[in-house]
Amino acid sequence: MSRVKKILAIIENLLFLLFCIKVILFLIQLFCFTSFKIPSDSMEPALKDGDRILVNKMIKGARLFNVFAALDNKDVTIFRIPGLGSFKRNDVLVFNFPYQMNRWDSIRMNVMQYYVKRCIALPGDTLEIRGGFYKVRGCHEQLGNYKAQQYLAKLQQPEKQGIVVGTFPYDGSLGWNIREFGPLPIPQKEQIVVMNRTNYLLYRQLIAWEQKKKIHLKEEQVFMGDSLIHQYCFKKNYYFVSGDNMANSQDSRYWGMLPEEYIVGKATRIWNSKEKYTDQVRWERILMKIK
């Protein structure tokens, strides 16, 4: 009888240990690190289709929100626990896509759709694309994939190569395209902008999302609901992101700016990698640091 009790005690301890391990792993995934599989070639050559990457949530802090409400397509309030730092230009970020069902007229977090792109501009930056190359005013570092920018700069008639030339905010009066774009000031929290026609075109989705009100232009004046507004103070931070494979990347050039609270974290390492069609392990990519 005593032997049975010992066996039962051992089983009980093992089950408790397994339970504790699962809880610890869950907490690590919730607050510290998570994994993401690269589903396309939009970040080549840095990341390949089939790479599994480790995403650090602790830099800006892990997010807490009602997942079930988000799955029901409801607006959710997202809280962040305190982080260890800030995102930087050229960081590779994983985020929830800020639009649903290819409707780019209004922002809403797509909780089931994750993107991975490189951060080009931070809140408060002023971004331009000149001759196909990314530039941030006052910043002298090389931004994004330079070879991809060279390719676009030299390419004759990119539309014949299947590349979409028209860009956000899709207004002919601005004349923006993939080689000549901006200047685009990236909003930061508490930044005030004058509400003229140009800023209406650039920020209408962001303001409507922050205020949960419709915003429209009438006779060159901007209205929020029925109220005329002359300026606006942003409540959130935003980023401009780009794929490294710029000829085949659905990024901020096309859909606009990324709300900070939709960012999951920074991609740091490739922990596993397999060929898409053969399932062979790419051993040379295991534990590779993401640059």
Protein backbone atom coordinates (compact mmCIF):
# COMPACT_ATOMS: atom_id res chain seq x y z
CA MET A 1 0.00 0.00 0.00
CA SER A 2 2.86 2.35 0.86
CA ARG A 3 4.43 1.64 -2.55
CA VAL A 4 1.18 2.69 -4.30
CA LYS A 5 1.13 5.88 -2.28
CA LYS A 6 4.72 6.64 -3.27
CA ILE A 7 3.93 6.04 -6.94
CA LEU A 8 0.87 8.28 -6.74
CA ALA A 9 2.92 10.97 -4.99
CA ILE A 10 5.57 10.82 -7.72
CA ILE A 11 2.91 11.08 -10.44
CA GLU A 12 1.29 13.98 -8.62
CA ASN A 13 4.63 15.80 -8.34
CA LEU A 14 5.39 15.20 -12.03
CA LEU A 15 1.98 16.54 -13.08
CA PHE A 16 2.47 19.59 -10.87
CA LEU A 17 5.93 20.13 -12.36
CA LEU A 18 4.52 19.89 -15.91
CA PHE A 19 1.78 22.34 -14.98
CA CYS A 20 4.36 24.79 -13.59
CA ILE A 21 6.49 24.49 -16.75
CA LYS A 22 3.45 25.17 -18.95
CA VAL A 23 2.52 28.23 -16.85
CA ILE A 24 6.08 29.56 -17.05
CA LEU A 25 6.21 29.02 -20.84
CA PHE A 26 2.83 30.74 -21.21
CA LEU A 27 4.02 33.74 -19.18
CA ILE A 28 7.26 33.94 -21.18
CA GLN A 29 5.28 33.92 -24.43
CA LEU A 30 2.80 36.48 -23.09
CA PHE A 31 5.26 38.96 -21.61
CA CYS A 32 8.75 38.28 -23.01
CA PHE A 33 9.15 36.43 -26.32
CA THR A 34 6.97 34.88 -28.96
CA SER A 35 7.54 33.10 -32.26
CA PHE A 36 6.45 34.10 -35.76
CA LYS A 37 6.73 32.27 -39.07
CA ILE A 38 7.69 34.30 -42.14
CA PRO A 39 4.92 33.67 -44.72
CA SER A 40 6.27 35.49 -47.80
CA ASP A 41 9.36 36.88 -49.52
CA SER A 42 8.63 40.54 -48.73
CA MET A 43 11.57 40.74 -46.30
CA GLU A 44 14.19 38.99 -48.43
CA PRO A 45 17.14 38.79 -48.20
CA ALA A 46 17.09 39.44 -44.43
CA LEU A 47 14.24 36.98 -43.83
CA LYS A 48 13.13 34.13 -46.06
CA ASP A 49 9.80 32.40 -46.49
CA GLY A 50 9.89 29.54 -43.96
CA ASP A 51 12.05 31.26 -41.33
CA ARG A 52 10.78 31.08 -37.77
CA ILE A 53 11.80 34.14 -35.81
CA LEU A 54 11.98 35.09 -32.16
CA VAL A 55 10.11 38.31 -31.32
CA ASN A 56 11.19 40.34 -28.29
CA LYS A 57 8.16 41.92 -26.58
CA MET A 58 10.12 43.46 -23.72
CA ILE A 59 11.65 46.41 -25.62
CA LYS A 60 8.46 48.48 -25.68
CA GLY A 61 6.51 46.22 -23.32
CA ALA A 62 4.03 43.40 -23.90
CA ARG A 63 0.45 44.27 -24.89
CA LEU A 64 -2.66 43.34 -22.94
CA PHE A 65 -6.10 43.49 -24.58
CA ASN A 66 -9.37 41.59 -24.93
CA VAL A 67 -8.50 38.98 -27.56
CA PHE A 68 -12.09 37.71 -27.83
CA ALA A 69 -13.42 41.21 -28.58
CA ALA A 70 -10.69 41.67 -31.19
CA LEU A 71 -11.65 38.35 -32.81
CA ASP A 72 -15.25 39.68 -33.02
CA ASN A 73 -13.98 42.71 -34.99
CA LYS A 74 -14.68 45.05 -32.08
CA ASP A 75 -12.52 48.01 -31.14
CA VAL A 76 -10.27 47.12 -28.23
CA THR A 77 -8.25 49.15 -25.76
CA ILE A 78 -4.63 48.03 -25.75
CA PHE A 79 -2.45 48.45 -22.67
CA ARG A 80 1.32 48.02 -22.57
CA ILE A 81 3.30 46.98 -19.53
CA PRO A 82 6.45 49.10 -19.01
CA GLY A 83 9.18 48.28 -21.52
CA LEU A 84 12.98 48.29 -21.44
CA GLY A 85 13.53 50.79 -24.26
CA SER A 86 12.29 52.05 -27.60
CA PHE A 87 12.19 50.87 -31.19
CA LYS A 88 14.86 52.26 -33.49
CA ARG A 89 15.18 52.92 -37.20
CA ASN A 90 16.06 49.73 -39.11
CA ASP A 91 14.60 47.47 -36.40
CA VAL A 92 12.59 44.60 -37.88
CA LEU A 93 9.11 44.79 -36.33
CA VAL A 94 6.25 42.30 -36.13
CA PHE A 95 2.81 43.87 -35.94
CA ASN A 96 -0.90 43.32 -36.47
CA PHE A 97 -1.96 44.64 -39.86
CA PRO A 98 -3.86 47.90 -39.20
CA TYR A 99 -6.58 47.32 -41.79
CA GLN A 100 -9.16 44.63 -42.48
CA MET A 101 -10.42 43.03 -45.71
CA ASN A 102 -8.20 45.33 -47.84
CA ARG A 103 -10.23 48.36 -46.74
CA TRP A 104 -7.61 51.04 -46.24
CA ASP A 105 -10.06 53.84 -45.51
CA SER A 106 -10.33 53.09 -41.77
CA ILE A 107 -7.91 51.65 -39.22
CA ARG A 108 -8.79 48.55 -37.23
CA MET A 109 -6.47 45.93 -35.82
CA ASN A 110 -6.53 42.63 -37.67
CA VAL A 111 -5.73 40.33 -34.75
CA MET A 112 -5.32 37.29 -37.01
CA GLN A 113 -3.00 38.91 -39.55
CA TYR A 114 0.63 39.60 -38.67
CA TYR A 115 3.15 41.44 -40.81
CA VAL A 116 6.91 41.78 -40.46
CA LYS A 117 8.60 44.91 -41.88
CA ARG A 118 11.59 47.12 -41.22
CA CYS A 119 11.14 50.38 -39.32
CA ILE A 120 12.19 53.30 -41.54
CA ALA A 121 10.84 56.31 -39.64
CA LEU A 122 9.96 56.91 -36.00
CA PRO A 123 7.32 59.13 -34.37
CA GLY A 124 8.35 62.75 -34.97
CA ASP A 125 10.48 61.98 -38.05
CA THR A 126 9.88 63.54 -41.46
CA LEU A 127 10.23 60.91 -44.17
CA GLU A 128 10.89 61.35 -47.89
CA ILE A 129 11.68 59.09 -50.81
CA ARG A 130 13.91 60.86 -53.31
CA GLY A 131 15.00 59.12 -56.49
CA GLY A 132 13.86 55.82 -54.93
CA PHE A 133 15.90 56.20 -51.72
CA TYR A 134 14.55 56.58 -48.18
CA LYS A 135 15.58 59.74 -46.35
CA VAL A 136 14.70 61.05 -42.89
CA ARG A 137 15.46 64.68 -42.23
CA GLY A 138 18.37 65.08 -39.83
CA CYS A 139 19.26 61.36 -40.05
CA HIS A 140 22.41 60.28 -41.88
CA GLU A 141 22.22 56.51 -41.41
CA GLN A 142 21.37 54.17 -44.29
CA LEU A 143 17.70 53.21 -44.04
CA GLY A 144 16.13 49.97 -45.24
CA ASN A 145 17.52 47.67 -47.93
CA TYR A 146 19.87 49.88 -49.98
CA LYS A 147 20.20 47.38 -52.84
CA ALA A 148 16.41 47.23 -53.28
CA GLN A 149 16.30 51.03 -53.39
CA GLN A 150 19.07 51.05 -56.00
CA TYR A 151 17.10 48.56 -58.08
CA LEU A 152 13.94 50.71 -57.99
CA ALA A 153 15.93 53.86 -58.72
CA LYS A 154 17.42 52.39 -61.91
CA LEU A 155 14.39 50.43 -63.09
CA GLN A 156 12.79 51.74 -66.27
CA GLN A 157 8.96 51.64 -66.27
CA PRO A 158 8.52 49.67 -63.00
CA GLU A 159 4.79 49.23 -63.68
CA LYS A 160 5.72 46.88 -66.55
CA GLN A 161 7.50 44.69 -63.99
CA GLY A 162 4.27 44.33 -62.01
CA ILE A 163 5.32 46.93 -59.43
CA VAL A 164 2.59 49.23 -58.13
CA VAL A 165 3.80 52.79 -58.67
CA GLY A 166 0.98 54.76 -57.01
CA THR A 167 1.27 55.25 -53.27
CA PHE A 168 -0.47 56.53 -50.17
CA PRO A 169 -2.45 58.80 -49.95
CA TYR A 170 -3.50 58.18 -53.59
CA ASP A 171 -4.15 61.79 -54.51
CA GLY A 172 -3.00 63.12 -57.88
CA SER A 173 -2.45 66.66 -56.59
CA LEU A 174 0.46 65.46 -54.43
CA GLY A 175 2.04 63.41 -57.21
CA TRP A 176 3.61 60.88 -54.83
CA ASN A 177 4.95 57.57 -56.15
CA ILE A 178 7.44 54.87 -55.15
CA ARG A 179 10.41 57.01 -56.30
CA GLU A 180 9.22 60.47 -55.25
CA PHE A 181 7.30 60.49 -51.99
CA GLY A 182 6.75 63.01 -49.22
CA PRO A 183 7.71 64.91 -47.22
CA LEU A 184 5.59 62.94 -44.75
CA PRO A 185 5.81 64.00 -41.08
CA ILE A 186 5.24 60.89 -38.94
CA PRO A 187 2.96 61.86 -36.01
CA GLN A 188 4.04 61.47 -32.42
CA LYS A 189 1.96 61.75 -29.28
CA GLU A 190 0.99 65.36 -28.43
CA GLN A 191 2.20 66.68 -31.81
CA ILE A 192 -0.09 69.40 -33.19
CA VAL A 193 -0.74 69.77 -36.92
CA VAL A 194 -2.66 72.43 -38.84
CA MET A 195 -5.68 70.88 -40.55
CA ASN A 196 -5.41 71.92 -44.17
CA ARG A 197 -6.19 69.87 -47.28
CA THR A 198 -2.77 68.16 -47.40
CA ASN A 199 -2.82 67.14 -43.73
CA TYR A 200 -6.38 65.93 -44.14
CA LEU A 201 -5.21 63.57 -46.90
CA LEU A 202 -2.25 62.35 -44.82
CA TYR A 203 -3.91 61.90 -41.44
CA ARG A 204 -7.65 61.34 -41.97
CA GLN A 205 -7.50 57.61 -41.13
CA LEU A 206 -5.38 58.22 -38.01
CA ILE A 207 -7.59 61.01 -36.67
CA ALA A 208 -10.82 59.12 -37.36
CA TRP A 209 -9.36 56.09 -35.53
CA GLU A 210 -8.21 58.12 -32.53
CA GLN A 211 -11.46 60.08 -32.20
CA LYS A 212 -13.90 57.36 -33.34
CA LYS A 213 -15.57 60.04 -35.46
CA LYS A 214 -15.86 60.63 -39.18
CA ILE A 215 -13.64 63.31 -40.67
CA HIS A 216 -14.31 64.94 -44.03
CA LEU A 217 -13.24 67.80 -46.28
CA LYS A 218 -15.70 70.47 -47.40
CA GLU A 219 -14.66 73.48 -49.47
CA GLU A 220 -11.00 73.08 -48.36
CA GLN A 221 -12.05 73.02 -44.69
CA VAL A 222 -11.78 69.98 -42.41
CA PHE A 223 -14.73 68.82 -40.32
CA MET A 224 -14.86 66.22 -37.56
CA GLY A 225 -18.47 65.21 -37.44
CA ASP A 226 -20.25 68.56 -37.72
CA SER A 227 -17.43 70.57 -36.12
CA LEU A 228 -14.88 72.60 -38.08
CA ILE A 229 -11.34 71.88 -36.89
CA HIS A 230 -8.31 74.10 -37.55
CA GLN A 231 -5.68 71.94 -35.86
CA TYR A 232 -5.32 68.52 -34.29
CA CYS A 233 -3.24 67.13 -31.41
CA PHE A 234 -2.33 63.45 -31.85
CA LYS A 235 -2.96 61.01 -29.01
CA LYS A 236 -0.76 58.16 -30.31
CA ASN A 237 2.64 57.41 -31.81
CA TYR A 238 3.07 56.12 -35.37
CA TYR A 239 5.78 54.51 -37.51
CA PHE A 240 6.64 54.11 -41.19
CA VAL A 241 7.65 50.55 -42.14
CA SER A 242 8.95 48.93 -45.32
CA GLY A 243 9.69 45.48 -46.65
CA ASP A 244 13.31 44.79 -47.65
CA ASN A 245 12.06 43.31 -50.93
CA MET A 246 10.61 46.66 -51.95
CA ALA A 247 9.47 45.50 -55.39
CA ASN A 248 7.11 43.01 -53.71
CA SER A 249 6.06 44.41 -50.36
CA GLN A 250 2.73 45.74 -49.12
CA ASP A 251 4.01 48.33 -46.66
CA SER A 252 3.59 51.92 -45.46
CA ARG A 253 4.27 53.28 -48.94
CA TYR A 254 0.85 51.89 -49.89
CA TRP A 255 -1.31 51.87 -46.75
CA GLY A 256 0.18 54.60 -44.58
CA MET A 257 1.42 54.79 -41.01
CA LEU A 258 1.47 52.08 -38.35
CA PRO A 259 0.00 52.74 -34.87
CA GLU A 260 2.50 51.93 -32.13
CA GLU A 261 0.05 49.86 -30.13
CA TYR A 262 -0.36 47.41 -33.01
CA ILE A 263 3.34 46.48 -32.78
CA VAL A 264 3.99 43.10 -31.13
CA GLY A 265 7.76 43.51 -30.80
CA LYS A 266 11.17 43.44 -32.44
CA ALA A 267 12.38 40.40 -34.39
CA THR A 268 15.79 39.41 -33.00
CA ARG A 269 16.85 35.93 -34.19
CA ILE A 270 15.91 33.12 -36.54
CA TRP A 271 15.47 30.05 -34.35
CA ASN A 272 14.44 27.65 -37.14
CA SER A 273 14.24 27.71 -40.92
CA LYS A 274 12.89 25.28 -43.52
CA GLU A 275 12.64 25.31 -47.28
CA LYS A 276 9.05 26.05 -48.28
CA TYR A 277 8.56 23.15 -50.71
CA THR A 278 11.08 20.51 -49.55
CA ASP A 279 10.80 21.05 -45.79
CA GLN A 280 14.58 20.75 -45.55
CA VAL A 281 16.18 22.55 -42.64
CA ARG A 282 18.36 25.54 -43.56
CA TRP A 283 21.04 24.83 -40.96
CA GLU A 284 23.09 27.91 -41.89
CA ARG A 285 20.19 30.15 -40.76
CA ILE A 286 19.61 28.57 -37.34
CA LEU A 287 20.19 31.12 -34.51
CA MET A 288 21.15 33.79 -37.08
CA LYS A 289 20.85 37.32 -35.71
CA ILE A 290 18.40 39.49 -37.63
CA LYS A 291 20.04 42.66 -38.93
